[in-house]
């Protein structure tokens, strides 16, 4: 089995890195110490990171559905942990 290069992070690791960077950007923006140009750049980067995270979550949900019912993933019920209100 070939090893992944350091640049080929797993989707989970990539998600976690993106989420961490997004949280850091939000903290910087909330501090109010950025110029308008820096704020716009941070916002633009944040939108990109948000989209990456959303896509990773959608892929994870699809994997769970495929594991739940490989023959009919579209009819598999989403996982709701006990006590989850939603």
PDB file of N, CA and C in Angstrom:
ATOM      1  N   UNK A   1       0.841  -1.177   0.000  1.00  0.00           N
ATOM      2  CA  UNK A   1       0.000   0.000   0.000  1.00  0.00           C
ATOM      3  C   UNK A   1       0.888   1.243   0.000  1.00  0.00           C
ATOM      4  N   UNK A   2       0.728   2.128  -0.988  1.00  0.00           N
ATOM      5  CA  UNK A   2       1.591   3.308  -1.055  1.00  0.00           C
ATOM      6  C   UNK A   2       1.260   4.299   0.048  1.00  0.00           C
ATOM      7  N   UNK A   3       2.316   4.938   0.540  1.00  0.00           N
ATOM      8  CA  UNK A   3       2.130   5.947   1.577  1.00  0.00           C
ATOM      9  C   UNK A   3       1.730   7.267   0.934  1.00  0.00           C
ATOM     10  N   UNK A   4       0.925   8.019   1.668  1.00  0.00           N
ATOM     11  CA  UNK A   4       0.541   9.339   1.194  1.00  0.00           C
ATOM     12  C   UNK A   4       1.680  10.306   1.444  1.00  0.00           C
ATOM     13  N   UNK A   5       1.829  11.235   0.531  1.00  0.00           N
ATOM     14  CA  UNK A   5       2.834  12.268   0.743  1.00  0.00           C
ATOM     15  C   UNK A   5       2.305  13.230   1.797  1.00  0.00           C
ATOM     16  N   UNK A   6       3.169  14.004   2.424  1.00  0.00           N
ATOM     17  CA  UNK A   6       2.724  14.954   3.449  1.00  0.00           C
ATOM     18  C   UNK A   6       1.675  15.941   2.939  1.00  0.00           C
ATOM     19  N   UNK A   7       1.667  16.221   1.633  1.00  0.00           N
ATOM     20  CA  UNK A   7       0.699  17.160   1.074  1.00  0.00           C
ATOM     21  C   UNK A   7      -0.675  16.541   0.875  1.00  0.00           C
ATOM     22  N   UNK A   8      -0.802  15.219   0.995  1.00  0.00           N
ATOM     23  CA  UNK A   8      -2.068  14.533   0.792  1.00  0.00           C
ATOM     24  C   UNK A   8      -2.702  14.188   2.131  1.00  0.00           C
ATOM     25  N   UNK A   9      -3.236  15.181   2.808  1.00  0.00           N
ATOM     26  CA  UNK A   9      -3.878  14.956   4.097  1.00  0.00           C
ATOM     27  C   UNK A   9      -5.213  14.261   3.881  1.00  0.00           C
ATOM     28  N   UNK A  10      -5.629  13.498   4.885  1.00  0.00           N
ATOM     29  CA  UNK A  10      -6.924  12.841   4.804  1.00  0.00           C
ATOM     30  C   UNK A  10      -8.016  13.896   4.812  1.00  0.00           C
ATOM     31  N   UNK A  11      -9.214  13.566   4.277  1.00  0.00           N
ATOM     32  CA  UNK A  11     -10.307  14.545   4.296  1.00  0.00           C
ATOM     33  C   UNK A  11     -10.633  15.029   5.702  1.00  0.00           C
ATOM     34  N   UNK A  12     -10.536  14.144   6.691  1.00  0.00           N
ATOM     35  CA  UNK A  12     -10.827  14.537   8.071  1.00  0.00           C
ATOM     36  C   UNK A  12      -9.783  15.536   8.561  1.00  0.00           C
ATOM     37  N   UNK A  13      -8.513  15.248   8.319  1.00  0.00           N
ATOM     38  CA  UNK A  13      -7.453  16.161   8.743  1.00  0.00           C
ATOM     39  C   UNK A  13      -7.581  17.494   8.020  1.00  0.00           C
ATOM     40  N   UNK A  14      -7.894  17.444   6.728  1.00  0.00           N
ATOM     41  CA  UNK A  14      -8.065  18.675   5.961  1.00  0.00           C
ATOM     42  C   UNK A  14      -9.237  19.485   6.516  1.00  0.00           C
ATOM     43  N   UNK A  15     -10.334  18.811   6.862  1.00  0.00           N
ATOM     44  CA  UNK A  15     -11.484  19.477   7.460  1.00  0.00           C
ATOM     45  C   UNK A  15     -11.092  20.153   8.767  1.00  0.00           C
ATOM     46  N   UNK A  16     -10.385  19.425   9.602  1.00  0.00           N
ATOM     47  CA  UNK A  16      -9.993  19.968  10.904  1.00  0.00           C
ATOM     48  C   UNK A  16      -9.065  21.172  10.757  1.00  0.00           C
ATOM     49  N   UNK A  17      -8.140  21.101   9.805  1.00  0.00           N
ATOM     50  CA  UNK A  17      -7.236  22.228   9.562  1.00  0.00           C
ATOM     51  C   UNK A  17      -8.014  23.439   9.056  1.00  0.00           C
ATOM     52  N   UNK A  18      -8.945  23.198   8.133  1.00  0.00           N
ATOM     53  CA  UNK A  18      -9.748  24.289   7.588  1.00  0.00           C
ATOM     54  C   UNK A  18     -10.601  24.924   8.669  1.00  0.00           C
ATOM     55  N   UNK A  19     -11.212  24.093   9.502  1.00  0.00           N
ATOM     56  CA  UNK A  19     -12.051  24.606  10.576  1.00  0.00           C
ATOM     57  C   UNK A  19     -11.230  25.421  11.574  1.00  0.00           C
ATOM     58  N   UNK A  20     -10.040  24.929  11.897  1.00  0.00           N
ATOM     59  CA  UNK A  20      -9.165  25.659  12.823  1.00  0.00           C
ATOM     60  C   UNK A  20      -8.766  27.015  12.241  1.00  0.00           C
ATOM     61  N   UNK A  21      -8.418  27.028  10.958  1.00  0.00           N
ATOM     62  CA  UNK A  21      -8.045  28.289  10.319  1.00  0.00           C
ATOM     63  C   UNK A  21      -9.238  29.241  10.275  1.00  0.00           C
ATOM     64  N   UNK A  22     -10.420  28.710   9.997  1.00  0.00           N
ATOM     65  CA  UNK A  22     -11.622  29.531   9.959  1.00  0.00           C
ATOM     66  C   UNK A  22     -11.895  30.149  11.331  1.00  0.00           C
ATOM     67  N   UNK A  23     -11.767  29.358  12.381  1.00  0.00           N
ATOM     68  CA  UNK A  23     -11.961  29.879  13.737  1.00  0.00           C
ATOM     69  C   UNK A  23     -10.953  30.983  14.054  1.00  0.00           C
ATOM     70  N   UNK A  24      -9.708  30.796  13.626  1.00  0.00           N
ATOM     71  CA  UNK A  24      -8.667  31.803  13.860  1.00  0.00           C
ATOM     72  C   UNK A  24      -9.001  33.103  13.125  1.00  0.00           C
ATOM     73  N   UNK A  25      -9.478  32.978  11.874  1.00  0.00           N
ATOM     74  CA  UNK A  25      -9.857  34.174  11.115  1.00  0.00           C
ATOM     75  C   UNK A  25     -10.998  34.922  11.798  1.00  0.00           C
ATOM     76  N   UNK A  26     -11.975  34.183  12.292  1.00  0.00           N
ATOM     77  CA  UNK A  26     -13.112  34.813  12.973  1.00  0.00           C
ATOM     78  C   UNK A  26     -12.630  35.577  14.215  1.00  0.00           C
ATOM     79  N   UNK A  27     -11.731  34.963  14.977  1.00  0.00           N
ATOM     80  CA  UNK A  27     -11.189  35.632  16.163  1.00  0.00           C
ATOM     81  C   UNK A  27     -10.492  36.939  15.787  1.00  0.00           C
ATOM     82  N   UNK A  28      -9.687  36.904  14.714  1.00  0.00           N
ATOM     83  CA  UNK A  28      -8.975  38.109  14.282  1.00  0.00           C
ATOM     84  C   UNK A  28      -9.962  39.191  13.845  1.00  0.00           C
ATOM     85  N   UNK A  29     -11.000  38.794  13.126  1.00  0.00           N
ATOM     86  CA  UNK A  29     -11.977  39.764  12.651  1.00  0.00           C
ATOM     87  C   UNK A  29     -12.777  40.338  13.814  1.00  0.00           C
ATOM     88  N   UNK A  30     -13.121  39.500  14.778  1.00  0.00           N
ATOM     89  CA  UNK A  30     -13.881  39.976  15.927  1.00  0.00           C
ATOM     90  C   UNK A  30     -13.071  40.936  16.792  1.00  0.00           C
ATOM     91  N   UNK A  31     -11.758  40.784  16.791  1.00  0.00           N
ATOM     92  CA  UNK A  31     -10.905  41.671  17.582  1.00  0.00           C
ATOM     93  C   UNK A  31     -10.964  43.102  17.048  1.00  0.00           C
ATOM     94  N   UNK A  32     -11.282  43.244  15.763  1.00  0.00           N
ATOM     95  CA  UNK A  32     -11.423  44.576  15.182  1.00  0.00           C
ATOM     96  C   UNK A  32     -10.127  45.285  14.889  1.00  0.00           C
ATOM     97  N   UNK A  33      -9.019  44.568  14.846  1.00  0.00           N
ATOM     98  CA  UNK A  33      -7.710  45.182  14.624  1.00  0.00           C
ATOM     99  C   UNK A  33      -7.276  45.163  13.152  1.00  0.00           C
ATOM    100  N   UNK A  34      -8.134  44.657  12.270  1.00  0.00           N
ATOM    101  CA  UNK A  34      -7.765  44.553  10.864  1.00  0.00           C
ATOM    102  C   UNK A  34      -8.243  45.775  10.096  1.00  0.00           C
ATOM    103  N   UNK A  35      -7.471  46.140   9.081  1.00  0.00           N
ATOM    104  CA  UNK A  35      -7.907  47.214   8.189  1.00  0.00           C
ATOM    105  C   UNK A  35      -9.068  46.696   7.345  1.00  0.00           C
ATOM    106  N   UNK A  36      -9.706  47.584   6.627  1.00  0.00           N
ATOM    107  CA  UNK A  36     -10.807  47.171   5.764  1.00  0.00           C
ATOM    108  C   UNK A  36     -10.329  46.150   4.735  1.00  0.00           C
ATOM    109  N   UNK A  37      -9.193  46.409   4.121  1.00  0.00           N
ATOM    110  CA  UNK A  37      -8.652  45.488   3.111  1.00  0.00           C
ATOM    111  C   UNK A  37      -8.327  44.123   3.735  1.00  0.00           C
ATOM    112  N   UNK A  38      -7.729  44.134   4.916  1.00  0.00           N
ATOM    113  CA  UNK A  38      -7.411  42.879   5.607  1.00  0.00           C
ATOM    114  C   UNK A  38      -8.693  42.139   5.986  1.00  0.00           C
ATOM    115  N   UNK A  39      -9.707  42.882   6.412  1.00  0.00           N
ATOM    116  CA  UNK A  39     -10.980  42.268   6.773  1.00  0.00           C
ATOM    117  C   UNK A  39     -11.643  41.617   5.561  1.00  0.00           C
ATOM    118  N   UNK A  40     -11.596  42.312   4.430  1.00  0.00           N
ATOM    119  CA  UNK A  40     -12.171  41.746   3.208  1.00  0.00           C
ATOM    120  C   UNK A  40     -11.425  40.486   2.779  1.00  0.00           C
ATOM    121  N   UNK A  41     -10.107  40.516   2.868  1.00  0.00           N
ATOM    122  CA  UNK A  41      -9.310  39.330   2.525  1.00  0.00           C
ATOM    123  C   UNK A  41      -9.609  38.179   3.472  1.00  0.00           C
ATOM    124  N   UNK A  42      -9.719  38.494   4.757  1.00  0.00           N
ATOM    125  CA  UNK A  42     -10.023  37.458   5.749  1.00  0.00           C
ATOM    126  C   UNK A  42     -11.417  36.887   5.505  1.00  0.00           C
ATOM    127  N   UNK A  43     -12.369  37.757   5.173  1.00  0.00           N
ATOM    128  CA  UNK A  43     -13.731  37.297   4.906  1.00  0.00           C
ATOM    129  C   UNK A  43     -13.751  36.389   3.673  1.00  0.00           C
ATOM    130  N   UNK A  44     -13.039  36.809   2.622  1.00  0.00           N
ATOM    131  CA  UNK A  44     -12.985  36.010   1.395  1.00  0.00           C
ATOM    132  C   UNK A  44     -12.367  34.629   1.681  1.00  0.00           C
ATOM    133  N   UNK A  45     -11.286  34.608   2.430  1.00  0.00           N
ATOM    134  CA  UNK A  45     -10.648  33.341   2.802  1.00  0.00           C
ATOM    135  C   UNK A  45     -11.604  32.502   3.644  1.00  0.00           C
ATOM    136  N   UNK A  46     -12.311  33.153   4.559  1.00  0.00           N
ATOM    137  CA  UNK A  46     -13.260  32.455   5.423  1.00  0.00           C
ATOM    138  C   UNK A  46     -14.383  31.800   4.640  1.00  0.00           C
ATOM    139  N   UNK A  47     -14.891  32.487   3.630  1.00  0.00           N
ATOM    140  CA  UNK A  47     -15.945  31.911   2.794  1.00  0.00           C
ATOM    141  C   UNK A  47     -15.427  30.659   2.089  1.00  0.00           C
ATOM    142  N   UNK A  48     -14.207  30.731   1.576  1.00  0.00           N
ATOM    143  CA  UNK A  48     -13.611  29.560   0.921  1.00  0.00           C
ATOM    144  C   UNK A  48     -13.447  28.399   1.888  1.00  0.00           C
ATOM    145  N   UNK A  49     -12.971  28.696   3.098  1.00  0.00           N
ATOM    146  CA  UNK A  49     -12.800  27.652   4.105  1.00  0.00           C
ATOM    147  C   UNK A  49     -14.142  27.056   4.511  1.00  0.00           C
ATOM    148  N   UNK A  50     -15.159  27.918   4.663  1.00  0.00           N
ATOM    149  CA  UNK A  50     -16.498  27.448   5.009  1.00  0.00           C
ATOM    150  C   UNK A  50     -17.016  26.480   3.949  1.00  0.00           C
ATOM    151  N   UNK A  51     -16.819  26.829   2.700  1.00  0.00           N
ATOM    152  CA  UNK A  51     -17.286  25.952   1.604  1.00  0.00           C
ATOM    153  C   UNK A  51     -16.547  24.619   1.608  1.00  0.00           C
ATOM    154  N   UNK A  52     -15.244  24.657   1.878  1.00  0.00           N
ATOM    155  CA  UNK A  52     -14.477  23.411   1.964  1.00  0.00           C
ATOM    156  C   UNK A  52     -14.998  22.530   3.090  1.00  0.00           C
ATOM    157  N   UNK A  53     -15.268  23.139   4.238  1.00  0.00           N
ATOM    158  CA  UNK A  53     -15.777  22.383   5.388  1.00  0.00           C
ATOM    159  C   UNK A  53     -17.148  21.807   5.081  1.00  0.00           C
ATOM    160  N   UNK A  54     -18.005  22.597   4.464  1.00  0.00           N
ATOM    161  CA  UNK A  54     -19.348  22.144   4.126  1.00  0.00           C
ATOM    162  C   UNK A  54     -19.282  20.965   3.157  1.00  0.00           C
ATOM    163  N   UNK A  55     -18.398  21.039   2.183  1.00  0.00           N
ATOM    164  CA  UNK A  55     -18.248  19.957   1.216  1.00  0.00           C
ATOM    165  C   UNK A  55     -17.738  18.692   1.909  1.00  0.00           C
ATOM    166  N   UNK A  56     -16.796  18.835   2.817  1.00  0.00           N
ATOM    167  CA  UNK A  56     -16.278  17.676   3.545  1.00  0.00           C
ATOM    168  C   UNK A  56     -17.376  17.031   4.389  1.00  0.00           C
ATOM    169  N   UNK A  57     -18.217  17.851   5.011  1.00  0.00           N
ATOM    170  CA  UNK A  57     -19.323  17.307   5.807  1.00  0.00           C
ATOM    171  C   UNK A  57     -20.331  16.581   4.924  1.00  0.00           C
ATOM    172  N   UNK A  58     -20.612  17.124   3.752  1.00  0.00           N
ATOM    173  CA  UNK A  58     -21.533  16.460   2.823  1.00  0.00           C
ATOM    174  C   UNK A  58     -20.969  15.119   2.367  1.00  0.00           C
ATOM    175  N   UNK A  59     -19.669  15.066   2.108  1.00  0.00           N
ATOM    176  CA  UNK A  59     -19.038  13.813   1.703  1.00  0.00           C
ATOM    177  C   UNK A  59     -19.084  12.793   2.843  1.00  0.00           C
ATOM    178  N   UNK A  60     -18.880  13.253   4.068  1.00  0.00           N
ATOM    179  CA  UNK A  60     -18.945  12.358   5.224  1.00  0.00           C
ATOM    180  C   UNK A  60     -20.362  11.818   5.392  1.00  0.00           C
ATOM    181  N   UNK A  61     -21.360  12.675   5.211  1.00  0.00           N
ATOM    182  CA  UNK A  61     -22.749  12.224   5.325  1.00  0.00           C
ATOM    183  C   UNK A  61     -23.062  11.169   4.261  1.00  0.00           C
ATOM    184  N   UNK A  62     -22.585  11.382   3.049  1.00  0.00           N
ATOM    185  CA  UNK A  62     -22.801  10.413   1.983  1.00  0.00           C
ATOM    186  C   UNK A  62     -22.151   9.080   2.335  1.00  0.00           C
ATOM    187  N   UNK A  63     -20.945   9.114   2.870  1.00  0.00           N
ATOM    188  CA  UNK A  63     -20.263   7.876   3.267  1.00  0.00           C
ATOM    189  C   UNK A  63     -21.062   7.134   4.333  1.00  0.00           C
ATOM    190  N   UNK A  64     -21.613   7.881   5.298  1.00  0.00           N
ATOM    191  CA  UNK A  64     -22.418   7.255   6.345  1.00  0.00           C
ATOM    192  C   UNK A  64     -23.669   6.628   5.732  1.00  0.00           C
ATOM    193  N   UNK A  65     -24.304   7.329   4.810  1.00  0.00           N
ATOM    194  CA  UNK A  65     -25.497   6.781   4.155  1.00  0.00           C
ATOM    195  C   UNK A  65     -25.158   5.515   3.363  1.00  0.00           C
ATOM    196  N   UNK A  66     -24.031   5.540   2.673  1.00  0.00           N
ATOM    197  CA  UNK A  66     -23.625   4.357   1.907  1.00  0.00           C
ATOM    198  C   UNK A  66     -23.339   3.178   2.832  1.00  0.00           C
ATOM    199  N   UNK A  67     -22.758   3.447   3.987  1.00  0.00           N
ATOM    200  CA  UNK A  67     -22.488   2.383   4.942  1.00  0.00           C
ATOM    201  C   UNK A  67     -23.779   1.878   5.584  1.00  0.00           C
ATOM    202  N   UNK A  68     -24.746   2.780   5.789  1.00  0.00           N
ATOM    203  CA  UNK A  68     -26.008   2.408   6.421  1.00  0.00           C
ATOM    204  C   UNK A  68     -26.852   1.531   5.516  1.00  0.00           C
ATOM    205  N   UNK A  69     -26.899   1.862   4.228  1.00  0.00           N
ATOM    206  CA  UNK A  69     -27.708   1.105   3.281  1.00  0.00           C
ATOM    207  C   UNK A  69     -27.067   1.200   1.894  1.00  0.00           C
ATOM    208  N   UNK A  70     -26.071   0.354   1.619  1.00  0.00           N
ATOM    209  CA  UNK A  70     -25.339   0.458   0.350  1.00  0.00           C
ATOM    210  C   UNK A  70     -26.226   0.318  -0.886  1.00  0.00           C
ATOM    211  N   UNK A  71     -27.317  -0.451  -0.778  1.00  0.00           N
ATOM    212  CA  UNK A  71     -28.175  -0.663  -1.937  1.00  0.00           C
ATOM    213  C   UNK A  71     -29.049   0.551  -2.234  1.00  0.00           C
ATOM    214  N   UNK A  72     -29.408   1.283  -1.181  1.00  0.00           N
ATOM    215  CA  UNK A  72     -30.293   2.441  -1.366  1.00  0.00           C
ATOM    216  C   UNK A  72     -29.837   3.605  -0.477  1.00  0.00           C
ATOM    217  N   UNK A  73     -28.721   4.229  -0.795  1.00  0.00           N
ATOM    218  CA  UNK A  73     -28.210   5.312   0.069  1.00  0.00           C
ATOM    219  C   UNK A  73     -29.165   6.510   0.154  1.00  0.00           C
ATOM    220  N   UNK A  74     -29.977   6.733  -0.897  1.00  0.00           N
ATOM    221  CA  UNK A  74     -30.888   7.878  -0.876  1.00  0.00           C
ATOM    222  C   UNK A  74     -32.015   7.712   0.133  1.00  0.00           C
ATOM    223  N   UNK A  75     -32.319   6.468   0.515  1.00  0.00           N
ATOM    224  CA  UNK A  75     -33.412   6.241   1.459  1.00  0.00           C
ATOM    225  C   UNK A  75     -32.912   5.976   2.872  1.00  0.00           C
ATOM    226  N   UNK A  76     -31.601   5.939   3.059  1.00  0.00           N
ATOM    227  CA  UNK A  76     -31.051   5.700   4.396  1.00  0.00           C
ATOM    228  C   UNK A  76     -31.397   6.882   5.292  1.00  0.00           C
ATOM    229  N   UNK A  77     -31.756   6.578   6.507  1.00  0.00           N
ATOM    230  CA  UNK A  77     -32.111   7.613   7.474  1.00  0.00           C
ATOM    231  C   UNK A  77     -30.849   8.290   7.997  1.00  0.00           C
ATOM    232  N   UNK A  78     -30.881   9.624   8.146  1.00  0.00           N
ATOM    233  CA  UNK A  78     -29.722  10.286   8.751  1.00  0.00           C
ATOM    234  C   UNK A  78     -29.567   9.857  10.196  1.00  0.00           C
ATOM    235  N   UNK A  79     -28.335   9.867  10.647  1.00  0.00           N
ATOM    236  CA  UNK A  79     -28.033   9.458  12.019  1.00  0.00           C
ATOM    237  C   UNK A  79     -28.361  10.587  12.975  1.00  0.00           C
ATOM    238  N   UNK A  80     -29.231  10.311  13.937  1.00  0.00           N
ATOM    239  CA  UNK A  80     -29.549  11.264  15.002  1.00  0.00           C
ATOM    240  C   UNK A  80     -29.207  10.611  16.319  1.00  0.00           C
ATOM    241  N   UNK A  81     -28.183  11.125  17.022  1.00  0.00           N
ATOM    242  CA  UNK A  81     -27.803  10.531  18.296  1.00  0.00           C
ATOM    243  C   UNK A  81     -28.947  10.640  19.312  1.00  0.00           C
ATOM    244  N   UNK A  82     -29.005   9.724  20.274  1.00  0.00           N
ATOM    245  CA  UNK A  82     -30.043   9.785  21.306  1.00  0.00           C
ATOM    246  C   UNK A  82     -30.019  11.138  22.024  1.00  0.00           C
ATOM    247  N   UNK A  83     -31.204  11.672  22.273  1.00  0.00           N
ATOM    248  CA  UNK A  83     -31.294  12.944  22.979  1.00  0.00           C
ATOM    249  C   UNK A  83     -31.101  14.151  22.093  1.00  0.00           C
ATOM    250  N   UNK A  84     -30.940  13.932  20.773  1.00  0.00           N
ATOM    251  CA  UNK A  84     -30.727  15.034  19.833  1.00  0.00           C
ATOM    252  C   UNK A  84     -32.089  15.625  19.473  1.00  0.00           C
ATOM    253  N   UNK A  85     -32.245  16.915  19.690  1.00  0.00           N
ATOM    254  CA  UNK A  85     -33.484  17.599  19.333  1.00  0.00           C
ATOM    255  C   UNK A  85     -33.285  18.292  17.996  1.00  0.00           C
ATOM    256  N   UNK A  86     -33.907  17.770  16.947  1.00  0.00           N
ATOM    257  CA  UNK A  86     -33.703  18.437  15.679  1.00  0.00           C
ATOM    258  C   UNK A  86     -34.379  17.844  14.551  1.00  0.00           C
TER     259      UNK A  86
END
